C-alpha atoms as a PDB file:
ATOM      1  CA  MET A   1     112.086  99.933 108.568  1.00  0.00           C
ATOM      2  CA  ALA A   2     111.045  98.655 105.126  1.00  0.00           C
ATOM      3  CA  ILE A   3     107.401  97.633 104.799  1.00  0.00           C
ATOM      4  CA  ILE A   4     108.334  93.995 104.064  1.00  0.00           C
ATOM      5  CA  ASP A   5     110.208  93.920 107.376  1.00  0.00           C
ATOM      6  CA  THR A   6     107.153  95.324 109.166  1.00  0.00           C
ATOM      7  CA  ILE A   7     104.931  92.675 107.541  1.00  0.00           C
ATOM      8  CA  ARG A   8     107.366  89.922 108.568  1.00  0.00           C
ATOM      9  CA  LYS A   9     107.583  91.203 112.138  1.00  0.00           C
ATOM     10  CA  LYS A  10     103.802  91.331 112.510  1.00  0.00           C
ATOM     11  CA  LEU A  11     103.473  87.755 111.262  1.00  0.00           C
ATOM     12  CA  VAL A  12     106.181  86.475 113.620  1.00  0.00           C
ATOM     13  CA  ASN A  13     104.618  88.343 116.559  1.00  0.00           C
ATOM     14  CA  LYS A  14     101.173  86.937 115.646  1.00  0.00           C
ATOM     15  CA  GLU A  15      99.791  90.447 115.126  1.00  0.00           C
ATOM     16  CA  TYR A  16      97.564  89.443 112.229  1.00  0.00           C
ATOM     17  CA  GLU A  17      93.960  88.886 111.203  1.00  0.00           C
ATOM     18  CA  PHE A  18      92.275  87.275 108.213  1.00  0.00           C
ATOM     19  CA  THR A  19      89.428  88.201 105.912  1.00  0.00           C
ATOM     20  CA  ILE A  20      87.088  85.403 106.916  1.00  0.00           C
ATOM     21  CA  PRO A  21      86.064  83.193 105.202  1.00  0.00           C
ATOM     22  CA  HIS A  22      87.666  84.516 101.984  1.00  0.00           C
ATOM     23  CA  PHE A  23      91.319  83.995 102.936  1.00  0.00           C
ATOM     24  CA  PHE A  24      90.753  80.380 103.993  1.00  0.00           C
ATOM     25  CA  GLU A  25      88.598  79.595 100.961  1.00  0.00           C
ATOM     26  CA  GLU A  26      91.358  80.798  98.651  1.00  0.00           C
ATOM     27  CA  MET A  27      93.978  78.785 100.566  1.00  0.00           C
ATOM     28  CA  ALA A  28      91.849  75.667 100.131  1.00  0.00           C
ATOM     29  CA  ASN A  29      91.131  76.374  96.441  1.00  0.00           C
ATOM     30  CA  ASP A  30      94.857  76.446  95.621  1.00  0.00           C
ATOM     31  CA  ASN A  31      95.982  73.855  98.185  1.00  0.00           C
ATOM     32  CA  ILE A  32      98.061  76.416 100.105  1.00  0.00           C
ATOM     33  CA  THR A  33      98.862  75.849 103.778  1.00  0.00           C
ATOM     34  CA  PHE A  34      99.464  78.462 106.436  1.00  0.00           C
ATOM     35  CA  THR A  35     103.063  77.231 106.570  1.00  0.00           C
ATOM     36  CA  ASP A  36     103.298  78.192 102.880  1.00  0.00           C
ATOM     37  CA  ILE A  37     101.966  81.662 103.752  1.00  0.00           C
ATOM     38  CA  GLU A  38     104.561  82.052 106.507  1.00  0.00           C
ATOM     39  CA  LYS A  39     107.347  81.027 104.114  1.00  0.00           C
ATOM     40  CA  VAL A  40     106.156  83.385 101.365  1.00  0.00           C
ATOM     41  CA  ILE A  41     106.235  86.319 103.735  1.00  0.00           C
ATOM     42  CA  ALA A  42     109.578  85.253 105.237  1.00  0.00           C
ATOM     43  CA  ILE A  43     111.411  84.952 101.896  1.00  0.00           C
ATOM     44  CA  GLY A  44     109.199  86.806  99.441  1.00  0.00           C
ATOM     45  CA  LYS A  45     109.353  90.257  97.940  1.00  0.00           C
ATOM     46  CA  ILE A  46     106.720  92.924  97.451  1.00  0.00           C
ATOM     47  CA  ARG A  47     105.816  92.692  93.778  1.00  0.00           C
ATOM     48  CA  LYS A  48     102.953  95.184  93.691  1.00  0.00           C
ATOM     49  CA  LYS A  49     101.665  98.006  95.846  1.00  0.00           C
ATOM     50  CA  PHE A  50      97.995  99.013  95.532  1.00  0.00           C
ATOM     51  CA  THR A  51      97.509 102.579  96.771  1.00  0.00           C
ATOM     52  CA  ARG A  52      94.016 103.524  95.566  1.00  0.00           C
ATOM     53  CA  ASP A  53      92.060 101.582  98.189  1.00  0.00           C
ATOM     54  CA  PRO A  54      90.420 103.986 100.689  1.00  0.00           C
ATOM     55  CA  ARG A  55      90.952 101.374 103.427  1.00  0.00           C
ATOM     56  CA  GLY A  56      94.721 101.615 103.009  1.00  0.00           C
ATOM     57  CA  THR A  57      97.597 100.443 100.867  1.00  0.00           C
ATOM     58  CA  ARG A  58      97.646  96.753  99.997  1.00  0.00           C
ATOM     59  CA  TYR A  59     100.780  94.779  99.168  1.00  0.00           C
ATOM     60  CA  GLU A  60     101.253  91.701  97.000  1.00  0.00           C
ATOM     61  CA  VAL A  61     104.035  89.614  98.532  1.00  0.00           C
ATOM     62  CA  VAL A  62     105.305  86.873  96.197  1.00  0.00           C
ATOM     63  CA  GLY A  63     107.615  83.940  96.889  1.00  0.00           C
ATOM     64  CA  ASN A  64     108.521  80.560  95.407  1.00  0.00           C
ATOM     65  CA  ILE A  65     107.552  77.650  97.628  1.00  0.00           C
ATOM     66  CA  ASP A  66     107.900  74.015  96.477  1.00  0.00           C
ATOM     67  CA  ASN A  67     108.069  75.028  92.793  1.00  0.00           C
ATOM     68  CA  ARG A  68     104.942  77.178  93.131  1.00  0.00           C
ATOM     69  CA  LYS A  69     104.887  80.954  92.888  1.00  0.00           C
ATOM     70  CA  ILE A  70     102.512  82.013  95.653  1.00  0.00           C
ATOM     71  CA  ALA A  71     101.131  85.509  96.221  1.00  0.00           C
ATOM     72  CA  VAL A  72      99.693  86.927  99.435  1.00  0.00           C
ATOM     73  CA  ILE A  73      97.736  90.183  99.466  1.00  0.00           C
ATOM     74  CA  CYS A  74      97.887  92.011 102.780  1.00  0.00           C
ATOM     75  CA  ARG A  75      97.669  95.423 104.418  1.00  0.00           C
ATOM     76  CA  ILE A  76      98.521  97.036 107.738  1.00  0.00           C
ATOM     77  CA  LYS A  77      95.270  98.052 109.406  1.00  0.00           C
ATOM     78  CA  SER A  78      94.779 101.274 111.364  1.00  0.00           C
ATOM     79  CA  THR A  79      94.847  99.080 114.499  1.00  0.00           C
ATOM     80  CA  GLY A  80      98.418  98.092 113.609  1.00  0.00           C
ATOM     81  CA  ASN A  81      97.539  94.482 112.838  1.00  0.00           C
ATOM     82  CA  LEU A  82      98.491  92.806 109.573  1.00  0.00           C
ATOM     83  CA  LEU A  83      95.384  91.848 107.571  1.00  0.00           C
ATOM     84  CA  LEU A  84      95.852  88.799 105.340  1.00  0.00           C
ATOM     85  CA  ILE A  85      93.310  89.407 102.592  1.00  0.00           C
ATOM     86  CA  THR A  86      93.793  86.693  99.982  1.00  0.00           C
ATOM     87  CA  THR A  87      96.309  84.272  98.540  1.00  0.00           C
ATOM     88  CA  TYR A  88      96.716  82.531  95.190  1.00  0.00           C
ATOM     89  CA  ILE A  89      99.085  80.683  92.892  1.00  0.00           C
ATOM     90  CA  LEU A  90     100.620  82.759  90.101  1.00  0.00           C
ATOM     91  CA  GLU A  91     100.730  80.976  86.770  1.00  0.00           C
END
């Protein structure tokens, strides 16, 4: 299974966690809703893969929602849960 499919499945199955409060602060800063996050992951593509983090590979998932290009940085934790790390608008 492709990693984007794994990420999507974990979101749908509610097998996720957040970096608190960072993730929510960034959502608020860019006026992004959790519905936007769900849509980005559902339709988006992995644009970047960050492999040098000792905590595990991170993925930048990017999608266009309501004329905004939104990015979500996430990783699969050793527990198996999806960790939603941050989100932002790409200019």
